[in-house]
PDB file of all heavy atoms in Angstrom:
ATOM      1  N   LEU A   1      97.645  95.634 112.235  1.00  0.00           N
ATOM      2  CA  LEU A   1      96.544  94.842 112.816  1.00  0.00           C
ATOM      3  C   LEU A   1      95.650  95.708 113.697  1.00  0.00           C
ATOM      4  O   LEU A   1      94.431  95.759 113.507  1.00  0.00           O
ATOM      5  CB  LEU A   1      97.107  93.661 113.613  1.00  0.00           C
ATOM      6  CG  LEU A   1      96.065  92.696 114.221  1.00  0.00           C
ATOM      7  CD1 LEU A   1      95.264  91.995 113.131  1.00  0.00           C
ATOM      8  CD2 LEU A   1      96.751  91.669 115.135  1.00  0.00           C
ATOM      9  N   PHE A   2      96.258  96.390 114.658  1.00  0.00           N
ATOM     10  CA  PHE A   2      95.466  97.170 115.603  1.00  0.00           C
ATOM     11  C   PHE A   2      95.106  98.556 115.055  1.00  0.00           C
ATOM     12  O   PHE A   2      94.062  99.107 115.380  1.00  0.00           O
ATOM     13  CB  PHE A   2      96.214  97.291 116.935  1.00  0.00           C
ATOM     14  CG  PHE A   2      96.387  95.988 117.642  1.00  0.00           C
ATOM     15  CD1 PHE A   2      97.621  95.345 117.683  1.00  0.00           C
ATOM     16  CD2 PHE A   2      95.311  95.366 118.254  1.00  0.00           C
ATOM     17  CE1 PHE A   2      97.785  94.129 118.325  1.00  0.00           C
ATOM     18  CE2 PHE A   2      95.457  94.138 118.903  1.00  0.00           C
ATOM     19  CZ  PHE A   2      96.695  93.529 118.931  1.00  0.00           C
ATOM     20  N   GLY A   3      95.980  99.110 114.215  1.00  0.00           N
ATOM     21  CA  GLY A   3      95.705 100.431 113.646  1.00  0.00           C
ATOM     22  C   GLY A   3      94.518 100.420 112.695  1.00  0.00           C
ATOM     23  O   GLY A   3      93.636 101.283 112.784  1.00  0.00           O
ATOM     24  N   VAL A   4      94.504  99.451 111.771  1.00  0.00           N
ATOM     25  CA  VAL A   4      93.381  99.333 110.835  1.00  0.00           C
ATOM     26  C   VAL A   4      92.088  99.052 111.588  1.00  0.00           C
ATOM     27  O   VAL A   4      91.035  99.632 111.288  1.00  0.00           O
ATOM     28  CB  VAL A   4      93.667  98.227 109.789  1.00  0.00           C
ATOM     29  CG1 VAL A   4      92.430  97.963 108.938  1.00  0.00           C
ATOM     30  CG2 VAL A   4      94.845  98.608 108.909  1.00  0.00           C
ATOM     31  N   PHE A   5      92.155  98.148 112.580  1.00  0.00           N
ATOM     32  CA  PHE A   5      90.979  97.819 113.384  1.00  0.00           C
ATOM     33  C   PHE A   5      90.425  99.068 114.091  1.00  0.00           C
ATOM     34  O   PHE A   5      89.222  99.344 114.020  1.00  0.00           O
ATOM     35  CB  PHE A   5      91.335  96.740 114.411  1.00  0.00           C
ATOM     36  CG  PHE A   5      90.247  96.472 115.417  1.00  0.00           C
ATOM     37  CD1 PHE A   5      89.121  95.734 115.073  1.00  0.00           C
ATOM     38  CD2 PHE A   5      90.346  96.953 116.718  1.00  0.00           C
ATOM     39  CE1 PHE A   5      88.116  95.489 115.999  1.00  0.00           C
ATOM     40  CE2 PHE A   5      89.354  96.707 117.648  1.00  0.00           C
ATOM     41  CZ  PHE A   5      88.240  95.977 117.288  1.00  0.00           C
ATOM     42  N   THR A   6      91.317  99.833 114.735  1.00  0.00           N
ATOM     43  CA  THR A   6      90.890 101.025 115.481  1.00  0.00           C
ATOM     44  C   THR A   6      90.339 102.095 114.543  1.00  0.00           C
ATOM     45  O   THR A   6      89.308 102.711 114.820  1.00  0.00           O
ATOM     46  CB  THR A   6      92.070 101.589 116.293  1.00  0.00           C
ATOM     47  OG1 THR A   6      92.603 100.558 117.142  1.00  0.00           O
ATOM     48  CG2 THR A   6      91.620 102.768 117.146  1.00  0.00           C
ATOM     49  N   LEU A   7      91.036 102.316 113.425  1.00  0.00           N
ATOM     50  CA  LEU A   7      90.599 103.335 112.463  1.00  0.00           C
ATOM     51  C   LEU A   7      89.213 103.027 111.917  1.00  0.00           C
ATOM     52  O   LEU A   7      88.341 103.909 111.876  1.00  0.00           O
ATOM     53  CB  LEU A   7      91.611 103.430 111.325  1.00  0.00           C
ATOM     54  CG  LEU A   7      91.273 104.433 110.201  1.00  0.00           C
ATOM     55  CD1 LEU A   7      91.255 105.858 110.757  1.00  0.00           C
ATOM     56  CD2 LEU A   7      92.272 104.310 109.045  1.00  0.00           C
ATOM     57  N   LEU A   8      88.991 101.790 111.506  1.00  0.00           N
ATOM     58  CA  LEU A   8      87.691 101.401 110.961  1.00  0.00           C
ATOM     59  C   LEU A   8      86.587 101.512 112.006  1.00  0.00           C
ATOM     60  O   LEU A   8      85.465 101.922 111.706  1.00  0.00           O
ATOM     61  CB  LEU A   8      87.750  99.972 110.413  1.00  0.00           C
ATOM     62  CG  LEU A   8      88.594  99.772 109.147  1.00  0.00           C
ATOM     63  CD1 LEU A   8      88.729  98.296 108.817  1.00  0.00           C
ATOM     64  CD2 LEU A   8      87.983 100.517 107.967  1.00  0.00           C
ATOM     65  N   MET A   9      86.917 101.153 113.251  1.00  0.00           N
ATOM     66  CA  MET A   9      85.921 101.228 114.315  1.00  0.00           C
ATOM     67  C   MET A   9      85.550 102.682 114.612  1.00  0.00           C
ATOM     68  O   MET A   9      84.383 102.992 114.856  1.00  0.00           O
ATOM     69  CB  MET A   9      86.451 100.538 115.576  1.00  0.00           C
ATOM     70  CG  MET A   9      85.389 100.300 116.632  1.00  0.00           C
ATOM     71  SD  MET A   9      85.946  99.155 117.931  1.00  0.00           S
ATOM     72  CE  MET A   9      87.351 100.026 118.558  1.00  0.00           C
ATOM     73  N   LEU A  10      86.554 103.583 114.566  1.00  0.00           N
ATOM     74  CA  LEU A  10      86.314 104.993 114.845  1.00  0.00           C
ATOM     75  C   LEU A  10      85.412 105.644 113.804  1.00  0.00           C
ATOM     76  O   LEU A  10      84.671 106.584 114.108  1.00  0.00           O
ATOM     77  CB  LEU A  10      87.637 105.754 114.941  1.00  0.00           C
ATOM     78  CG  LEU A  10      88.492 105.481 116.194  1.00  0.00           C
ATOM     79  CD1 LEU A  10      89.837 106.167 116.082  1.00  0.00           C
ATOM     80  CD2 LEU A  10      87.768 105.916 117.465  1.00  0.00           C
ATOM     81  N   ILE A  11      85.470 105.175 112.563  1.00  0.00           N
ATOM     82  CA  ILE A  11      84.637 105.764 111.507  1.00  0.00           C
ATOM     83  C   ILE A  11      83.283 105.077 111.383  1.00  0.00           C
ATOM     84  O   ILE A  11      82.510 105.355 110.466  1.00  0.00           O
ATOM     85  CB  ILE A  11      85.364 105.768 110.140  1.00  0.00           C
ATOM     86  CG1 ILE A  11      85.650 104.341 109.667  1.00  0.00           C
ATOM     87  CG2 ILE A  11      86.639 106.599 110.219  1.00  0.00           C
ATOM     88  CD1 ILE A  11      86.262 104.272 108.261  1.00  0.00           C
ATOM     89  N   GLY A  12      82.991 104.150 112.322  1.00  0.00           N
ATOM     90  CA  GLY A  12      81.665 103.554 112.390  1.00  0.00           C
ATOM     91  C   GLY A  12      81.455 102.285 111.596  1.00  0.00           C
ATOM     92  O   GLY A  12      80.319 101.878 111.361  1.00  0.00           O
ATOM     93  N   THR A  13      82.533 101.616 111.187  1.00  0.00           N
ATOM     94  CA  THR A  13      82.416 100.354 110.455  1.00  0.00           C
ATOM     95  C   THR A  13      81.936  99.256 111.399  1.00  0.00           C
ATOM     96  O   THR A  13      82.400  99.171 112.535  1.00  0.00           O
ATOM     97  CB  THR A  13      83.775  99.959 109.853  1.00  0.00           C
ATOM     98  OG1 THR A  13      84.309 101.061 109.104  1.00  0.00           O
ATOM     99  CG2 THR A  13      83.639  98.742 108.950  1.00  0.00           C
ATOM    100  N   PRO A  14      81.008  98.403 110.958  1.00  0.00           N
ATOM    101  CA  PRO A  14      80.581  97.270 111.811  1.00  0.00           C
ATOM    102  C   PRO A  14      81.768  96.449 112.284  1.00  0.00           C
ATOM    103  O   PRO A  14      82.726  96.235 111.531  1.00  0.00           O
ATOM    104  CB  PRO A  14      79.668  96.453 110.890  1.00  0.00           C
ATOM    105  CG  PRO A  14      79.138  97.451 109.906  1.00  0.00           C
ATOM    106  CD  PRO A  14      80.255  98.442 109.692  1.00  0.00           C
ATOM    107  N   ILE A  15      81.697  95.993 113.532  1.00  0.00           N
ATOM    108  CA  ILE A  15      82.841  95.364 114.192  1.00  0.00           C
ATOM    109  C   ILE A  15      83.349  94.137 113.432  1.00  0.00           C
ATOM    110  O   ILE A  15      84.560  93.890 113.367  1.00  0.00           O
ATOM    111  CB  ILE A  15      82.483  95.019 115.657  1.00  0.00           C
ATOM    112  CG1 ILE A  15      83.745  94.663 116.465  1.00  0.00           C
ATOM    113  CG2 ILE A  15      81.471  93.871 115.709  1.00  0.00           C
ATOM    114  CD1 ILE A  15      84.579  95.835 116.804  1.00  0.00           C
ATOM    115  N   ALA A  16      82.444  93.355 112.832  1.00  0.00           N
ATOM    116  CA  ALA A  16      82.867  92.158 112.095  1.00  0.00           C
ATOM    117  C   ALA A  16      83.765  92.538 110.922  1.00  0.00           C
ATOM    118  O   ALA A  16      84.783  91.883 110.662  1.00  0.00           O
ATOM    119  CB  ALA A  16      81.644  91.380 111.604  1.00  0.00           C
ATOM    120  N   PHE A  17      83.406  93.617 110.214  1.00  0.00           N
ATOM    121  CA  PHE A  17      84.224  94.068 109.086  1.00  0.00           C
ATOM    122  C   PHE A  17      85.541  94.671 109.558  1.00  0.00           C
ATOM    123  O   PHE A  17      86.577  94.527 108.890  1.00  0.00           O
ATOM    124  CB  PHE A  17      83.439  95.071 108.237  1.00  0.00           C
ATOM    125  CG  PHE A  17      82.267  94.460 107.531  1.00  0.00           C
ATOM    126  CD1 PHE A  17      80.988  94.640 108.012  1.00  0.00           C
ATOM    127  CD2 PHE A  17      82.438  93.680 106.404  1.00  0.00           C
ATOM    128  CE1 PHE A  17      79.898  94.055 107.376  1.00  0.00           C
ATOM    129  CE2 PHE A  17      81.360  93.102 105.757  1.00  0.00           C
ATOM    130  CZ  PHE A  17      80.081  93.286 106.248  1.00  0.00           C
ATOM    131  N   CYS A  18      85.523  95.339 110.709  1.00  0.00           N
ATOM    132  CA  CYS A  18      86.764  95.845 111.297  1.00  0.00           C
ATOM    133  C   CYS A  18      87.764  94.711 111.520  1.00  0.00           C
ATOM    134  O   CYS A  18      88.941  94.801 111.150  1.00  0.00           O
ATOM    135  CB  CYS A  18      86.496  96.547 112.623  1.00  0.00           C
ATOM    136  SG  CYS A  18      85.475  98.021 112.544  1.00  0.00           S
ATOM    137  N   LEU A  19      87.286  93.645 112.123  1.00  0.00           N
ATOM    138  CA  LEU A  19      88.139  92.505 112.429  1.00  0.00           C
ATOM    139  C   LEU A  19      88.631  91.820 111.154  1.00  0.00           C
ATOM    140  O   LEU A  19      89.807  91.483 111.024  1.00  0.00           O
ATOM    141  CB  LEU A  19      87.367  91.495 113.290  1.00  0.00           C
ATOM    142  CG  LEU A  19      87.004  91.948 114.707  1.00  0.00           C
ATOM    143  CD1 LEU A  19      85.947  91.033 115.298  1.00  0.00           C
ATOM    144  CD2 LEU A  19      88.242  91.964 115.593  1.00  0.00           C
ATOM    145  N   GLY A  20      87.707  91.608 110.203  1.00  0.00           N
ATOM    146  CA  GLY A  20      88.063  90.904 108.974  1.00  0.00           C
ATOM    147  C   GLY A  20      89.045  91.677 108.115  1.00  0.00           C
ATOM    148  O   GLY A  20      90.039  91.116 107.632  1.00  0.00           O
ATOM    149  N   ILE A  21      88.805  92.969 107.909  1.00  0.00           N
ATOM    150  CA  ILE A  21      89.683  93.793 107.068  1.00  0.00           C
ATOM    151  C   ILE A  21      91.056  93.949 107.711  1.00  0.00           C
ATOM    152  O   ILE A  21      92.097  93.870 107.033  1.00  0.00           O
ATOM    153  CB  ILE A  21      89.029  95.170 106.797  1.00  0.00           C
ATOM    154  CG1 ILE A  21      87.766  94.990 105.943  1.00  0.00           C
ATOM    155  CG2 ILE A  21      90.011  96.097 106.077  1.00  0.00           C
ATOM    156  CD1 ILE A  21      86.911  96.233 105.836  1.00  0.00           C
ATOM    157  N   ALA A  22      91.087  94.164 109.039  1.00  0.00           N
ATOM    158  CA  ALA A  22      92.371  94.282 109.749  1.00  0.00           C
ATOM    159  C   ALA A  22      93.176  92.989 109.624  1.00  0.00           C
ATOM    160  O   ALA A  22      94.400  93.018 109.403  1.00  0.00           O
ATOM    161  CB  ALA A  22      92.130  94.615 111.219  1.00  0.00           C
ATOM    162  N   SER A  23      92.503  91.857 109.751  1.00  0.00           N
ATOM    163  CA  SER A  23      93.176  90.556 109.612  1.00  0.00           C
ATOM    164  C   SER A  23      93.721  90.376 108.190  1.00  0.00           C
ATOM    165  O   SER A  23      94.869  89.942 107.999  1.00  0.00           O
ATOM    166  CB  SER A  23      92.206  89.418 109.942  1.00  0.00           C
ATOM    167  OG  SER A  23      91.714  89.536 111.253  1.00  0.00           O
ATOM    168  N   PHE A  24      92.903  90.723 107.187  1.00  0.00           N
ATOM    169  CA  PHE A  24      93.298  90.567 105.787  1.00  0.00           C
ATOM    170  C   PHE A  24      94.508  91.448 105.459  1.00  0.00           C
ATOM    171  O   PHE A  24      95.456  91.001 104.814  1.00  0.00           O
ATOM    172  CB  PHE A  24      92.117  90.922 104.879  1.00  0.00           C
ATOM    173  CG  PHE A  24      92.256  90.400 103.478  1.00  0.00           C
ATOM    174  CD1 PHE A  24      92.015  89.070 103.189  1.00  0.00           C
ATOM    175  CD2 PHE A  24      92.628  91.254 102.444  1.00  0.00           C
ATOM    176  CE1 PHE A  24      92.152  88.582 101.889  1.00  0.00           C
ATOM    177  CE2 PHE A  24      92.768  90.776 101.152  1.00  0.00           C
ATOM    178  CZ  PHE A  24      92.526  89.430 100.878  1.00  0.00           C
ATOM    179  N   ALA A  25      94.466  92.701 105.920  1.00  0.00           N
ATOM    180  CA  ALA A  25      95.572  93.627 105.660  1.00  0.00           C
ATOM    181  C   ALA A  25      96.868  93.126 106.298  1.00  0.00           C
ATOM    182  O   ALA A  25      97.951  93.207 105.691  1.00  0.00           O
ATOM    183  CB  ALA A  25      95.222  95.018 106.191  1.00  0.00           C
ATOM    184  N   THR A  26      96.784  92.582 107.507  1.00  0.00           N
ATOM    185  CA  THR A  26      97.980  92.090 108.209  1.00  0.00           C
ATOM    186  C   THR A  26      98.553  90.859 107.530  1.00  0.00           C
ATOM    187  O   THR A  26      99.775  90.716 107.397  1.00  0.00           O
ATOM    188  CB  THR A  26      97.639  91.773 109.678  1.00  0.00           C
ATOM    189  OG1 THR A  26      97.001  92.906 110.280  1.00  0.00           O
ATOM    190  CG2 THR A  26      98.890  91.425 110.462  1.00  0.00           C
ATOM    191  N   VAL A  27      97.681  89.974 107.086  1.00  0.00           N
ATOM    192  CA  VAL A  27      98.120  88.766 106.374  1.00  0.00           C
ATOM    193  C   VAL A  27      98.855  89.142 105.091  1.00  0.00           C
ATOM    194  O   VAL A  27      99.902  88.564 104.758  1.00  0.00           O
ATOM    195  CB  VAL A  27      96.909  87.846 106.085  1.00  0.00           C
ATOM    196  CG1 VAL A  27      97.254  86.827 105.002  1.00  0.00           C
ATOM    197  CG2 VAL A  27      96.488  87.119 107.344  1.00  0.00           C
ATOM    198  N   LEU A  28      98.335  90.124 104.355  1.00  0.00           N
ATOM    199  CA  LEU A  28      98.993  90.579 103.132  1.00  0.00           C
ATOM    200  C   LEU A  28     100.370  91.165 103.438  1.00  0.00           C
ATOM    201  O   LEU A  28     101.341  90.921 102.712  1.00  0.00           O
ATOM    202  CB  LEU A  28      98.122  91.629 102.423  1.00  0.00           C
ATOM    203  CG  LEU A  28      96.816  91.118 101.775  1.00  0.00           C
ATOM    204  CD1 LEU A  28      96.041  92.271 101.167  1.00  0.00           C
ATOM    205  CD2 LEU A  28      97.121  90.052 100.713  1.00  0.00           C
ATOM    206  N   TYR A  29     100.461  91.954 104.527  1.00  0.00           N
ATOM    207  CA  TYR A  29     101.749  92.540 104.905  1.00  0.00           C
ATOM    208  C   TYR A  29     102.772  91.467 105.266  1.00  0.00           C
ATOM    209  O   TYR A  29     103.947  91.556 104.905  1.00  0.00           O
ATOM    210  CB  TYR A  29     101.559  93.501 106.076  1.00  0.00           C
ATOM    211  CG  TYR A  29     102.865  94.001 106.646  1.00  0.00           C
ATOM    212  CD1 TYR A  29     103.589  95.003 105.996  1.00  0.00           C
ATOM    213  CD2 TYR A  29     103.400  93.447 107.820  1.00  0.00           C
ATOM    214  CE1 TYR A  29     104.812  95.449 106.502  1.00  0.00           C
ATOM    215  CE2 TYR A  29     104.609  93.883 108.331  1.00  0.00           C
ATOM    216  CZ  TYR A  29     105.316  94.876 107.664  1.00  0.00           C
ATOM    217  OH  TYR A  29     106.533  95.301 108.166  1.00  0.00           O
ATOM    218  N   LEU A  30     102.318  90.435 105.974  1.00  0.00           N
ATOM    219  CA  LEU A  30     103.222  89.366 106.411  1.00  0.00           C
ATOM    220  C   LEU A  30     103.607  88.420 105.272  1.00  0.00           C
ATOM    221  O   LEU A  30     104.492  87.572 105.445  1.00  0.00           O
ATOM    222  CB  LEU A  30     102.572  88.565 107.545  1.00  0.00           C
ATOM    223  CG  LEU A  30     102.374  89.309 108.881  1.00  0.00           C
ATOM    224  CD1 LEU A  30     101.530  88.464 109.830  1.00  0.00           C
ATOM    225  CD2 LEU A  30     103.712  89.635 109.529  1.00  0.00           C
ATOM    226  N   GLY A  31     102.933  88.553 104.126  1.00  0.00           N
ATOM    227  CA  GLY A  31     103.230  87.689 102.996  1.00  0.00           C
ATOM    228  C   GLY A  31     102.625  86.297 103.100  1.00  0.00           C
ATOM    229  O   GLY A  31     103.034  85.377 102.376  1.00  0.00           O
ATOM    230  N   LEU A  32     101.639  86.132 103.992  1.00  0.00           N
ATOM    231  CA  LEU A  32     100.956  84.849 104.133  1.00  0.00           C
ATOM    232  C   LEU A  32      99.862  84.733 103.073  1.00  0.00           C
ATOM    233  O   LEU A  32      99.340  85.754 102.599  1.00  0.00           O
ATOM    234  CB  LEU A  32     100.336  84.728 105.531  1.00  0.00           C
ATOM    235  CG  LEU A  32     101.303  84.792 106.723  1.00  0.00           C
ATOM    236  CD1 LEU A  32     100.532  84.878 108.037  1.00  0.00           C
ATOM    237  CD2 LEU A  32     102.206  83.571 106.732  1.00  0.00           C
ATOM    238  N   PRO A  33      99.480  83.521 102.703  1.00  0.00           N
ATOM    239  CA  PRO A  33      98.392  83.371 101.721  1.00  0.00           C
ATOM    240  C   PRO A  33      97.066  83.889 102.296  1.00  0.00           C
ATOM    241  O   PRO A  33      96.706  83.534 103.422  1.00  0.00           O
ATOM    242  CB  PRO A  33      98.329  81.860 101.471  1.00  0.00           C
ATOM    243  CG  PRO A  33      99.079  81.236 102.582  1.00  0.00           C
ATOM    244  CD  PRO A  33     100.067  82.221 103.084  1.00  0.00           C
ATOM    245  N   PRO A  34      96.349  84.732 101.569  1.00  0.00           N
ATOM    246  CA  PRO A  34      95.097  85.323 102.072  1.00  0.00           C
ATOM    247  C   PRO A  34      94.057  84.296 102.493  1.00  0.00           C
ATOM    248  O   PRO A  34      93.197  84.595 103.327  1.00  0.00           O
ATOM    249  CB  PRO A  34      94.593  86.151 100.880  1.00  0.00           C
ATOM    250  CG  PRO A  34      95.822  86.461 100.078  1.00  0.00           C
ATOM    251  CD  PRO A  34      96.701  85.261 100.239  1.00  0.00           C
ATOM    252  N   ILE A  35      94.131  83.084 101.928  1.00  0.00           N
ATOM    253  CA  ILE A  35      93.146  82.058 102.281  1.00  0.00           C
ATOM    254  C   ILE A  35      93.189  81.701 103.767  1.00  0.00           C
ATOM    255  O   ILE A  35      92.229  81.162 104.312  1.00  0.00           O
ATOM    256  CB  ILE A  35      93.349  80.795 101.402  1.00  0.00           C
ATOM    257  CG1 ILE A  35      92.083  79.911 101.468  1.00  0.00           C
ATOM    258  CG2 ILE A  35      94.601  80.018 101.859  1.00  0.00           C
ATOM    259  CD1 ILE A  35      92.084  78.792 100.501  1.00  0.00           C
ATOM    260  N   VAL A  36      94.319  82.014 104.422  1.00  0.00           N
ATOM    261  CA  VAL A  36      94.446  81.761 105.860  1.00  0.00           C
ATOM    262  C   VAL A  36      93.320  82.442 106.634  1.00  0.00           C
ATOM    263  O   VAL A  36      92.759  81.865 107.583  1.00  0.00           O
ATOM    264  CB  VAL A  36      95.822  82.249 106.374  1.00  0.00           C
ATOM    265  CG1 VAL A  36      95.845  82.275 107.900  1.00  0.00           C
ATOM    266  CG2 VAL A  36      96.923  81.365 105.843  1.00  0.00           C
ATOM    267  N   VAL A  37      92.966  83.667 106.233  1.00  0.00           N
ATOM    268  CA  VAL A  37      91.902  84.417 106.909  1.00  0.00           C
ATOM    269  C   VAL A  37      90.598  83.635 106.854  1.00  0.00           C
ATOM    270  O   VAL A  37      89.895  83.478 107.856  1.00  0.00           O
ATOM    271  CB  VAL A  37      91.715  85.812 106.268  1.00  0.00           C
ATOM    272  CG1 VAL A  37      90.506  86.530 106.872  1.00  0.00           C
ATOM    273  CG2 VAL A  37      92.972  86.651 106.436  1.00  0.00           C
ATOM    274  N   PHE A  38      90.273  83.112 105.668  1.00  0.00           N
ATOM    275  CA  PHE A  38      89.004  82.402 105.494  1.00  0.00           C
ATOM    276  C   PHE A  38      89.028  81.034 106.175  1.00  0.00           C
ATOM    277  O   PHE A  38      87.998  80.565 106.676  1.00  0.00           O
ATOM    278  CB  PHE A  38      88.694  82.274 104.007  1.00  0.00           C
ATOM    279  CG  PHE A  38      88.585  83.606 103.312  1.00  0.00           C
ATOM    280  CD1 PHE A  38      89.651  84.103 102.572  1.00  0.00           C
ATOM    281  CD2 PHE A  38      87.454  84.382 103.446  1.00  0.00           C
ATOM    282  CE1 PHE A  38      89.570  85.341 101.949  1.00  0.00           C
ATOM    283  CE2 PHE A  38      87.360  85.625 102.837  1.00  0.00           C
ATOM    284  CZ  PHE A  38      88.423  86.105 102.090  1.00  0.00           C
ATOM    285  N   GLN A  39      90.193  80.399 106.213  1.00  0.00           N
ATOM    286  CA  GLN A  39      90.320  79.131 106.935  1.00  0.00           C
ATOM    287  C   GLN A  39      90.058  79.327 108.423  1.00  0.00           C
ATOM    288  O   GLN A  39      89.349  78.526 109.054  1.00  0.00           O
ATOM    289  CB  GLN A  39      91.708  78.534 106.706  1.00  0.00           C
ATOM    290  CG  GLN A  39      91.926  77.969 105.312  1.00  0.00           C
ATOM    291  CD  GLN A  39      93.361  77.531 105.095  1.00  0.00           C
ATOM    292  OE1 GLN A  39      94.286  78.018 105.753  1.00  0.00           O
ATOM    293  NE2 GLN A  39      93.572  76.611 104.148  1.00  0.00           N
ATOM    294  N   GLN A  40      90.619  80.384 108.968  1.00  0.00           N
ATOM    295  CA  GLN A  40      90.418  80.662 110.389  1.00  0.00           C
ATOM    296  C   GLN A  40      88.973  81.074 110.676  1.00  0.00           C
ATOM    297  O   GLN A  40      88.423  80.732 111.723  1.00  0.00           O
ATOM    298  CB  GLN A  40      91.382  81.756 110.860  1.00  0.00           C
ATOM    299  CG  GLN A  40      92.844  81.355 110.821  1.00  0.00           C
ATOM    300  CD  GLN A  40      93.137  80.123 111.652  1.00  0.00           C
ATOM    301  OE1 GLN A  40      92.601  79.956 112.752  1.00  0.00           O
ATOM    302  NE2 GLN A  40      93.977  79.243 111.126  1.00  0.00           N
ATOM    303  N   MET A  41      88.348  81.813 109.760  1.00  0.00           N
ATOM    304  CA  MET A  41      86.933  82.158 109.904  1.00  0.00           C
ATOM    305  C   MET A  41      86.083  80.900 109.965  1.00  0.00           C
ATOM    306  O   MET A  41      85.190  80.763 110.805  1.00  0.00           O
ATOM    307  CB  MET A  41      86.469  83.039 108.749  1.00  0.00           C
ATOM    308  CG  MET A  41      86.923  84.483 108.832  1.00  0.00           C
ATOM    309  SD  MET A  41      86.365  85.469 107.413  1.00  0.00           S
ATOM    310  CE  MET A  41      84.575  85.409 107.657  1.00  0.00           C
ATOM    311  N   ASN A  42      86.375  79.961 109.069  1.00  0.00           N
ATOM    312  CA  ASN A  42      85.619  78.708 109.034  1.00  0.00           C
ATOM    313  C   ASN A  42      85.798  77.911 110.321  1.00  0.00           C
ATOM    314  O   ASN A  42      84.818  77.406 110.894  1.00  0.00           O
ATOM    315  CB  ASN A  42      86.056  77.877 107.830  1.00  0.00           C
ATOM    316  CG  ASN A  42      85.305  76.537 107.754  1.00  0.00           C
ATOM    317  OD1 ASN A  42      84.104  76.479 107.558  1.00  0.00           O
ATOM    318  ND2 ASN A  42      86.046  75.457 107.945  1.00  0.00           N
TER     319      ASN A  42
END
């Protein structure tokens, strides 16, 4: 969660994409359904 967020931010990725990609990667690792990310965004 924090590693992907920090890495993306360090290479200049827009903050919204940093947050979204880090959330998506963590959800996949935890085995949760990816739709959770979009539900929380909504």
